[in-house]
Amino acid sequence: MTADTAIELFRSAAMLALVLCGPVLLAALAVGLLMGLIQALTQVQDQSLTFVPRLIALTLVLLLLLPWGLSLLTEYAADLIRGIPHTI
């Protein structure tokens, strides 16, 4: 395996991780921003008020995107397995 091959494998794995984590992180950011705004407007500074809605939103996003994420992961794994003879 050459250095170029290792770099390409790492790049594709990192891009897949970013694509899979992106929607979840964006949902957490959006809910956190919204709850922070609500807390600032109502002056209620309770920590559980931000935690519970974020947890619910992240669970919903994960459940909705689970089939898509699993298909990306299985396609990536299949490509890695198919590429074993070329990398050796």
PDB file of N, CA and C in Angstrom:
ATOM      1  N   MET A   1       0.849  -1.166   0.000  1.00  0.00           N
ATOM      2  CA  MET A   1       0.000   0.000   0.000  1.00  0.00           C
ATOM      3  C   MET A   1       0.900   1.235   0.000  1.00  0.00           C
ATOM      4  N   THR A   2       0.602   2.133  -0.888  1.00  0.00           N
ATOM      5  CA  THR A   2       1.397   3.356  -0.972  1.00  0.00           C
ATOM      6  C   THR A   2       0.811   4.421  -0.047  1.00  0.00           C
ATOM      7  N   ALA A   3       1.561   5.477   0.115  1.00  0.00           N
ATOM      8  CA  ALA A   3       1.094   6.578   0.959  1.00  0.00           C
ATOM      9  C   ALA A   3      -0.127   7.249   0.343  1.00  0.00           C
ATOM     10  N   ASP A   4      -0.170   7.321  -0.981  1.00  0.00           N
ATOM     11  CA  ASP A   4      -1.322   7.927  -1.657  1.00  0.00           C
ATOM     12  C   ASP A   4      -2.598   7.128  -1.417  1.00  0.00           C
ATOM     13  N   THR A   5      -2.476   5.821  -1.408  1.00  0.00           N
ATOM     14  CA  THR A   5      -3.631   4.972  -1.150  1.00  0.00           C
ATOM     15  C   THR A   5      -4.118   5.144   0.276  1.00  0.00           C
ATOM     16  N   ALA A   6      -3.199   5.192   1.214  1.00  0.00           N
ATOM     17  CA  ALA A   6      -3.584   5.379   2.617  1.00  0.00           C
ATOM     18  C   ALA A   6      -4.244   6.736   2.825  1.00  0.00           C
ATOM     19  N   ILE A   7      -3.714   7.757   2.172  1.00  0.00           N
ATOM     20  CA  ILE A   7      -4.310   9.093   2.288  1.00  0.00           C
ATOM     21  C   ILE A   7      -5.710   9.105   1.691  1.00  0.00           C
ATOM     22  N   GLU A   8      -5.887   8.455   0.561  1.00  0.00           N
ATOM     23  CA  GLU A   8      -7.212   8.397  -0.070  1.00  0.00           C
ATOM     24  C   GLU A   8      -8.212   7.627   0.789  1.00  0.00           C
ATOM     25  N   LEU A   9      -7.770   6.533   1.405  1.00  0.00           N
ATOM     26  CA  LEU A   9      -8.656   5.782   2.296  1.00  0.00           C
ATOM     27  C   LEU A   9      -9.055   6.620   3.511  1.00  0.00           C
ATOM     28  N   PHE A  10      -8.106   7.325   4.083  1.00  0.00           N
ATOM     29  CA  PHE A  10      -8.414   8.182   5.222  1.00  0.00           C
ATOM     30  C   PHE A  10      -9.338   9.321   4.818  1.00  0.00           C
ATOM     31  N   ARG A  11      -9.100   9.917   3.647  1.00  0.00           N
ATOM     32  CA  ARG A  11      -9.940  11.017   3.180  1.00  0.00           C
ATOM     33  C   ARG A  11     -11.371  10.571   2.968  1.00  0.00           C
ATOM     34  N   SER A  12     -11.552   9.410   2.353  1.00  0.00           N
ATOM     35  CA  SER A  12     -12.914   8.931   2.105  1.00  0.00           C
ATOM     36  C   SER A  12     -13.617   8.557   3.409  1.00  0.00           C
ATOM     37  N   ALA A  13     -12.875   7.994   4.361  1.00  0.00           N
ATOM     38  CA  ALA A  13     -13.481   7.673   5.661  1.00  0.00           C
ATOM     39  C   ALA A  13     -13.853   8.940   6.427  1.00  0.00           C
ATOM     40  N   ALA A  14     -12.999   9.956   6.376  1.00  0.00           N
ATOM     41  CA  ALA A  14     -13.291  11.217   7.061  1.00  0.00           C
ATOM     42  C   ALA A  14     -14.480  11.921   6.420  1.00  0.00           C
ATOM     43  N   MET A  15     -14.569  11.900   5.099  1.00  0.00           N
ATOM     44  CA  MET A  15     -15.718  12.520   4.424  1.00  0.00           C
ATOM     45  C   MET A  15     -17.016  11.792   4.755  1.00  0.00           C
ATOM     46  N   LEU A  16     -16.958  10.476   4.830  1.00  0.00           N
ATOM     47  CA  LEU A  16     -18.147   9.715   5.195  1.00  0.00           C
ATOM     48  C   LEU A  16     -18.578  10.045   6.621  1.00  0.00           C
ATOM     49  N   ALA A  17     -17.630  10.172   7.520  1.00  0.00           N
ATOM     50  CA  ALA A  17     -17.957  10.531   8.903  1.00  0.00           C
ATOM     51  C   ALA A  17     -18.585  11.919   8.972  1.00  0.00           C
ATOM     52  N   LEU A  18     -18.066  12.861   8.197  1.00  0.00           N
ATOM     53  CA  LEU A  18     -18.641  14.206   8.182  1.00  0.00           C
ATOM     54  C   LEU A  18     -20.044  14.217   7.593  1.00  0.00           C
ATOM     55  N   VAL A  19     -20.262  13.438   6.547  1.00  0.00           N
ATOM     56  CA  VAL A  19     -21.587  13.381   5.923  1.00  0.00           C
ATOM     57  C   VAL A  19     -22.601  12.742   6.874  1.00  0.00           C
ATOM     58  N   LEU A  20     -22.166  11.726   7.606  1.00  0.00           N
ATOM     59  CA  LEU A  20     -23.083  11.057   8.527  1.00  0.00           C
ATOM     60  C   LEU A  20     -23.368  11.895   9.775  1.00  0.00           C
ATOM     61  N   CYS A  21     -22.374  12.616  10.263  1.00  0.00           N
ATOM     62  CA  CYS A  21     -22.544  13.403  11.492  1.00  0.00           C
ATOM     63  C   CYS A  21     -23.128  14.789  11.240  1.00  0.00           C
ATOM     64  N   GLY A  22     -23.030  15.281  10.021  1.00  0.00           N
ATOM     65  CA  GLY A  22     -23.472  16.633   9.709  1.00  0.00           C
ATOM     66  C   GLY A  22     -24.914  16.939  10.073  1.00  0.00           C
ATOM     67  N   PRO A  23     -25.879  16.140   9.610  1.00  0.00           N
ATOM     68  CA  PRO A  23     -27.274  16.444   9.946  1.00  0.00           C
ATOM     69  C   PRO A  23     -27.569  16.394  11.445  1.00  0.00           C
ATOM     70  N   VAL A  24     -26.944  15.479  12.141  1.00  0.00           N
ATOM     71  CA  VAL A  24     -27.167  15.369  13.583  1.00  0.00           C
ATOM     72  C   VAL A  24     -26.602  16.592  14.308  1.00  0.00           C
ATOM     73  N   LEU A  25     -25.409  17.001  13.906  1.00  0.00           N
ATOM     74  CA  LEU A  25     -24.806  18.177  14.529  1.00  0.00           C
ATOM     75  C   LEU A  25     -25.570  19.454  14.199  1.00  0.00           C
ATOM     76  N   LEU A  26     -26.077  19.565  12.973  1.00  0.00           N
ATOM     77  CA  LEU A  26     -26.875  20.733  12.608  1.00  0.00           C
ATOM     78  C   LEU A  26     -28.179  20.784  13.391  1.00  0.00           C
ATOM     79  N   ALA A  27     -28.802  19.623  13.609  1.00  0.00           N
ATOM     80  CA  ALA A  27     -30.023  19.591  14.411  1.00  0.00           C
ATOM     81  C   ALA A  27     -29.730  20.001  15.851  1.00  0.00           C
ATOM     82  N   ALA A  28     -28.631  19.533  16.410  1.00  0.00           N
ATOM     83  CA  ALA A  28     -28.260  19.911  17.775  1.00  0.00           C
ATOM     84  C   ALA A  28     -27.990  21.402  17.862  1.00  0.00           C
ATOM     85  N   LEU A  29     -27.333  21.949  16.847  1.00  0.00           N
ATOM     86  CA  LEU A  29     -27.047  23.378  16.828  1.00  0.00           C
ATOM     87  C   LEU A  29     -28.335  24.193  16.740  1.00  0.00           C
ATOM     88  N   ALA A  30     -29.244  23.780  15.867  1.00  0.00           N
ATOM     89  CA  ALA A  30     -30.485  24.523  15.691  1.00  0.00           C
ATOM     90  C   ALA A  30     -31.340  24.494  16.952  1.00  0.00           C
ATOM     91  N   VAL A  31     -31.472  23.332  17.559  1.00  0.00           N
ATOM     92  CA  VAL A  31     -32.280  23.222  18.778  1.00  0.00           C
ATOM     93  C   VAL A  31     -31.616  23.972  19.927  1.00  0.00           C
ATOM     94  N   GLY A  32     -30.314  23.887  20.032  1.00  0.00           N
ATOM     95  CA  GLY A  32     -29.602  24.609  21.079  1.00  0.00           C
ATOM     96  C   GLY A  32     -29.747  26.108  20.933  1.00  0.00           C
ATOM     97  N   LEU A  33     -29.657  26.597  19.693  1.00  0.00           N
ATOM     98  CA  LEU A  33     -29.842  28.021  19.437  1.00  0.00           C
ATOM     99  C   LEU A  33     -31.255  28.467  19.765  1.00  0.00           C
ATOM    100  N   LEU A  34     -32.237  27.679  19.353  1.00  0.00           N
ATOM    101  CA  LEU A  34     -33.632  28.015  19.625  1.00  0.00           C
ATOM    102  C   LEU A  34     -33.923  28.009  21.122  1.00  0.00           C
ATOM    103  N   MET A  35     -33.428  27.015  21.822  1.00  0.00           N
ATOM    104  CA  MET A  35     -33.677  26.951  23.265  1.00  0.00           C
ATOM    105  C   MET A  35     -32.919  28.057  23.999  1.00  0.00           C
ATOM    106  N   GLY A  36     -31.740  28.417  23.526  1.00  0.00           N
ATOM    107  CA  GLY A  36     -31.013  29.531  24.122  1.00  0.00           C
ATOM    108  C   GLY A  36     -31.752  30.841  23.932  1.00  0.00           C
ATOM    109  N   LEU A  37     -32.346  31.012  22.755  1.00  0.00           N
ATOM    110  CA  LEU A  37     -33.130  32.210  22.497  1.00  0.00           C
ATOM    111  C   LEU A  37     -34.369  32.261  23.387  1.00  0.00           C
ATOM    112  N   ILE A  38     -35.029  31.118  23.528  1.00  0.00           N
ATOM    113  CA  ILE A  38     -36.216  31.058  24.395  1.00  0.00           C
ATOM    114  C   ILE A  38     -35.828  31.339  25.844  1.00  0.00           C
ATOM    115  N   GLN A  39     -34.702  30.790  26.285  1.00  0.00           N
ATOM    116  CA  GLN A  39     -34.252  31.048  27.656  1.00  0.00           C
ATOM    117  C   GLN A  39     -33.898  32.517  27.855  1.00  0.00           C
ATOM    118  N   ALA A  40     -33.304  33.133  26.851  1.00  0.00           N
ATOM    119  CA  ALA A  40     -32.951  34.548  26.974  1.00  0.00           C
ATOM    120  C   ALA A  40     -34.201  35.424  27.008  1.00  0.00           C
ATOM    121  N   LEU A  41     -35.210  35.043  26.240  1.00  0.00           N
ATOM    122  CA  LEU A  41     -36.436  35.841  26.210  1.00  0.00           C
ATOM    123  C   LEU A  41     -37.263  35.687  27.477  1.00  0.00           C
ATOM    124  N   THR A  42     -37.297  34.469  28.017  1.00  0.00           N
ATOM    125  CA  THR A  42     -38.126  34.228  29.208  1.00  0.00           C
ATOM    126  C   THR A  42     -37.343  34.340  30.504  1.00  0.00           C
ATOM    127  N   GLN A  43     -36.032  34.441  30.433  1.00  0.00           N
ATOM    128  CA  GLN A  43     -35.143  34.524  31.591  1.00  0.00           C
ATOM    129  C   GLN A  43     -35.260  33.310  32.518  1.00  0.00           C
ATOM    130  N   VAL A  44     -35.564  32.163  31.932  1.00  0.00           N
ATOM    131  CA  VAL A  44     -35.580  30.900  32.684  1.00  0.00           C
ATOM    132  C   VAL A  44     -34.250  30.210  32.397  1.00  0.00           C
ATOM    133  N   GLN A  45     -33.412  30.052  33.398  1.00  0.00           N
ATOM    134  CA  GLN A  45     -32.077  29.496  33.208  1.00  0.00           C
ATOM    135  C   GLN A  45     -31.968  28.106  33.816  1.00  0.00           C
ATOM    136  N   ASP A  46     -32.720  27.175  33.279  1.00  0.00           N
ATOM    137  CA  ASP A  46     -32.703  25.800  33.771  1.00  0.00           C
ATOM    138  C   ASP A  46     -31.925  24.950  32.768  1.00  0.00           C
ATOM    139  N   GLN A  47     -30.968  24.155  33.248  1.00  0.00           N
ATOM    140  CA  GLN A  47     -30.133  23.348  32.366  1.00  0.00           C
ATOM    141  C   GLN A  47     -30.903  22.232  31.682  1.00  0.00           C
ATOM    142  N   SER A  48     -31.873  21.651  32.373  1.00  0.00           N
ATOM    143  CA  SER A  48     -32.631  20.553  31.770  1.00  0.00           C
ATOM    144  C   SER A  48     -33.538  21.050  30.658  1.00  0.00           C
ATOM    145  N   LEU A  49     -33.833  22.333  30.643  1.00  0.00           N
ATOM    146  CA  LEU A  49     -34.679  22.892  29.598  1.00  0.00           C
ATOM    147  C   LEU A  49     -33.997  22.822  28.233  1.00  0.00           C
ATOM    148  N   THR A  50     -32.697  22.889  28.181  1.00  0.00           N
ATOM    149  CA  THR A  50     -31.994  22.761  26.908  1.00  0.00           C
ATOM    150  C   THR A  50     -31.649  21.317  26.585  1.00  0.00           C
ATOM    151  N   PHE A  51     -31.485  20.499  27.599  1.00  0.00           N
ATOM    152  CA  PHE A  51     -31.038  19.122  27.380  1.00  0.00           C
ATOM    153  C   PHE A  51     -32.139  18.241  26.789  1.00  0.00           C
ATOM    154  N   VAL A  52     -33.321  18.311  27.347  1.00  0.00           N
ATOM    155  CA  VAL A  52     -34.405  17.401  26.937  1.00  0.00           C
ATOM    156  C   VAL A  52     -34.839  17.645  25.497  1.00  0.00           C
ATOM    157  N   PRO A  53     -35.111  18.895  25.061  1.00  0.00           N
ATOM    158  CA  PRO A  53     -35.489  19.072  23.651  1.00  0.00           C
ATOM    159  C   PRO A  53     -34.380  18.687  22.679  1.00  0.00           C
ATOM    160  N   ARG A  54     -33.135  18.932  23.061  1.00  0.00           N
ATOM    161  CA  ARG A  54     -32.024  18.550  22.185  1.00  0.00           C
ATOM    162  C   ARG A  54     -31.941  17.037  22.074  1.00  0.00           C
ATOM    163  N   LEU A  55     -32.128  16.342  23.172  1.00  0.00           N
ATOM    164  CA  LEU A  55     -32.105  14.882  23.148  1.00  0.00           C
ATOM    165  C   LEU A  55     -33.231  14.327  22.277  1.00  0.00           C
ATOM    166  N   ILE A  56     -34.410  14.903  22.386  1.00  0.00           N
ATOM    167  CA  ILE A  56     -35.553  14.457  21.577  1.00  0.00           C
ATOM    168  C   ILE A  56     -35.283  14.726  20.096  1.00  0.00           C
ATOM    169  N   ALA A  57     -34.769  15.913  19.776  1.00  0.00           N
ATOM    170  CA  ALA A  57     -34.490  16.250  18.378  1.00  0.00           C
ATOM    171  C   ALA A  57     -33.418  15.342  17.785  1.00  0.00           C
ATOM    172  N   LEU A  58     -32.372  15.076  18.543  1.00  0.00           N
ATOM    173  CA  LEU A  58     -31.308  14.212  18.040  1.00  0.00           C
ATOM    174  C   LEU A  58     -31.799  12.787  17.837  1.00  0.00           C
ATOM    175  N   THR A  59     -32.648  12.318  18.731  1.00  0.00           N
ATOM    176  CA  THR A  59     -33.218  10.976  18.571  1.00  0.00           C
ATOM    177  C   THR A  59     -34.076  10.894  17.317  1.00  0.00           C
ATOM    178  N   LEU A  60     -34.890  11.914  17.075  1.00  0.00           N
ATOM    179  CA  LEU A  60     -35.729  11.922  15.875  1.00  0.00           C
ATOM    180  C   LEU A  60     -34.889  11.982  14.598  1.00  0.00           C
ATOM    181  N   VAL A  61     -33.869  12.809  14.608  1.00  0.00           N
ATOM    182  CA  VAL A  61     -33.004  12.912  13.418  1.00  0.00           C
ATOM    183  C   VAL A  61     -32.289  11.595  13.169  1.00  0.00           C
ATOM    184  N   LEU A  62     -31.788  10.974  14.215  1.00  0.00           N
ATOM    185  CA  LEU A  62     -31.107   9.683  14.047  1.00  0.00           C
ATOM    186  C   LEU A  62     -32.055   8.609  13.529  1.00  0.00           C
ATOM    187  N   LEU A  63     -33.274   8.579  14.052  1.00  0.00           N
ATOM    188  CA  LEU A  63     -34.236   7.575  13.586  1.00  0.00           C
ATOM    189  C   LEU A  63     -34.648   7.814  12.139  1.00  0.00           C
ATOM    190  N   LEU A  64     -34.780   9.083  11.748  1.00  0.00           N
ATOM    191  CA  LEU A  64     -35.174   9.379  10.376  1.00  0.00           C
ATOM    192  C   LEU A  64     -34.058   9.098   9.376  1.00  0.00           C
ATOM    193  N   LEU A  65     -32.822   9.340   9.768  1.00  0.00           N
ATOM    194  CA  LEU A  65     -31.705   9.183   8.846  1.00  0.00           C
ATOM    195  C   LEU A  65     -30.983   7.844   8.964  1.00  0.00           C
ATOM    196  N   LEU A  66     -31.462   6.971   9.822  1.00  0.00           N
ATOM    197  CA  LEU A  66     -30.791   5.683  10.019  1.00  0.00           C
ATOM    198  C   LEU A  66     -30.722   4.834   8.745  1.00  0.00           C
ATOM    199  N   PRO A  67     -31.796   4.681   7.969  1.00  0.00           N
ATOM    200  CA  PRO A  67     -31.663   3.865   6.746  1.00  0.00           C
ATOM    201  C   PRO A  67     -30.667   4.446   5.748  1.00  0.00           C
ATOM    202  N   TRP A  68     -30.683   5.759   5.596  1.00  0.00           N
ATOM    203  CA  TRP A  68     -29.757   6.413   4.679  1.00  0.00           C
ATOM    204  C   TRP A  68     -28.313   6.225   5.148  1.00  0.00           C
ATOM    205  N   GLY A  69     -28.069   6.403   6.422  1.00  0.00           N
ATOM    206  CA  GLY A  69     -26.728   6.249   6.970  1.00  0.00           C
ATOM    207  C   GLY A  69     -26.214   4.822   6.861  1.00  0.00           C
ATOM    208  N   LEU A  70     -27.086   3.875   7.129  1.00  0.00           N
ATOM    209  CA  LEU A  70     -26.669   2.476   7.008  1.00  0.00           C
ATOM    210  C   LEU A  70     -26.364   2.099   5.568  1.00  0.00           C
ATOM    211  N   SER A  71     -27.130   2.639   4.620  1.00  0.00           N
ATOM    212  CA  SER A  71     -26.832   2.347   3.215  1.00  0.00           C
ATOM    213  C   SER A  71     -25.488   2.948   2.812  1.00  0.00           C
ATOM    214  N   LEU A  72     -25.174   4.153   3.292  1.00  0.00           N
ATOM    215  CA  LEU A  72     -23.861   4.742   3.000  1.00  0.00           C
ATOM    216  C   LEU A  72     -22.739   3.912   3.602  1.00  0.00           C
ATOM    217  N   LEU A  73     -22.934   3.464   4.845  1.00  0.00           N
ATOM    218  CA  LEU A  73     -21.892   2.665   5.503  1.00  0.00           C
ATOM    219  C   LEU A  73     -21.684   1.314   4.834  1.00  0.00           C
ATOM    220  N   THR A  74     -22.764   0.653   4.441  1.00  0.00           N
ATOM    221  CA  THR A  74     -22.616  -0.649   3.781  1.00  0.00           C
ATOM    222  C   THR A  74     -21.996  -0.494   2.401  1.00  0.00           C
ATOM    223  N   GLU A  75     -22.332   0.579   1.689  1.00  0.00           N
ATOM    224  CA  GLU A  75     -21.718   0.828   0.385  1.00  0.00           C
ATOM    225  C   GLU A  75     -20.225   1.104   0.533  1.00  0.00           C
ATOM    226  N   TYR A  76     -19.863   1.873   1.549  1.00  0.00           N
ATOM    227  CA  TYR A  76     -18.448   2.167   1.797  1.00  0.00           C
ATOM    228  C   TYR A  76     -17.693   0.894   2.173  1.00  0.00           C
ATOM    229  N   ALA A  77     -18.272   0.080   3.041  1.00  0.00           N
ATOM    230  CA  ALA A  77     -17.621  -1.169   3.440  1.00  0.00           C
ATOM    231  C   ALA A  77     -17.476  -2.118   2.256  1.00  0.00           C
ATOM    232  N   ALA A  78     -18.507  -2.186   1.417  1.00  0.00           N
ATOM    233  CA  ALA A  78     -18.422  -3.051   0.236  1.00  0.00           C
ATOM    234  C   ALA A  78     -17.334  -2.563  -0.718  1.00  0.00           C
ATOM    235  N   ASP A  79     -17.215  -1.257  -0.887  1.00  0.00           N
ATOM    236  CA  ASP A  79     -16.147  -0.713  -1.740  1.00  0.00           C
ATOM    237  C   ASP A  79     -14.770  -1.017  -1.169  1.00  0.00           C
ATOM    238  N   LEU A  80     -14.642  -0.923   0.160  1.00  0.00           N
ATOM    239  CA  LEU A  80     -13.356  -1.254   0.783  1.00  0.00           C
ATOM    240  C   LEU A  80     -13.003  -2.721   0.574  1.00  0.00           C
ATOM    241  N   ILE A  81     -13.972  -3.590   0.749  1.00  0.00           N
ATOM    242  CA  ILE A  81     -13.716  -5.025   0.594  1.00  0.00           C
ATOM    243  C   ILE A  81     -13.390  -5.355  -0.861  1.00  0.00           C
ATOM    244  N   ARG A  82     -14.132  -4.734  -1.804  1.00  0.00           N
ATOM    245  CA  ARG A  82     -13.847  -4.960  -3.220  1.00  0.00           C
ATOM    246  C   ARG A  82     -12.459  -4.434  -3.613  1.00  0.00           C
ATOM    247  N   GLY A  83     -11.975  -3.422  -2.922  1.00  0.00           N
ATOM    248  CA  GLY A  83     -10.691  -2.824  -3.262  1.00  0.00           C
ATOM    249  C   GLY A  83      -9.493  -3.480  -2.630  1.00  0.00           C
ATOM    250  N   ILE A  84      -9.706  -4.494  -1.822  1.00  0.00           N
ATOM    251  CA  ILE A  84      -8.583  -5.160  -1.140  1.00  0.00           C
ATOM    252  C   ILE A  84      -7.549  -5.707  -2.132  1.00  0.00           C
ATOM    253  N   PRO A  85      -7.953  -6.384  -3.204  1.00  0.00           N
ATOM    254  CA  PRO A  85      -6.913  -6.893  -4.140  1.00  0.00           C
ATOM    255  C   PRO A  85      -6.095  -5.776  -4.795  1.00  0.00           C
ATOM    256  N   HIS A  86      -6.684  -4.615  -4.995  1.00  0.00           N
ATOM    257  CA  HIS A  86      -5.964  -3.520  -5.649  1.00  0.00           C
ATOM    258  C   HIS A  86      -5.006  -2.805  -4.686  1.00  0.00           C
ATOM    259  N   THR A  87      -5.335  -2.828  -3.389  1.00  0.00           N
ATOM    260  CA  THR A  87      -4.470  -2.134  -2.435  1.00  0.00           C
ATOM    261  C   THR A  87      -3.306  -2.965  -1.962  1.00  0.00           C
ATOM    262  N   ILE A  88      -3.386  -4.263  -2.138  1.00  0.00           N
ATOM    263  CA  ILE A  88      -2.304  -5.150  -1.679  1.00  0.00           C
ATOM    264  C   ILE A  88      -1.254  -5.302  -2.707  1.00  0.00           C
TER     265      ILE A  88
END
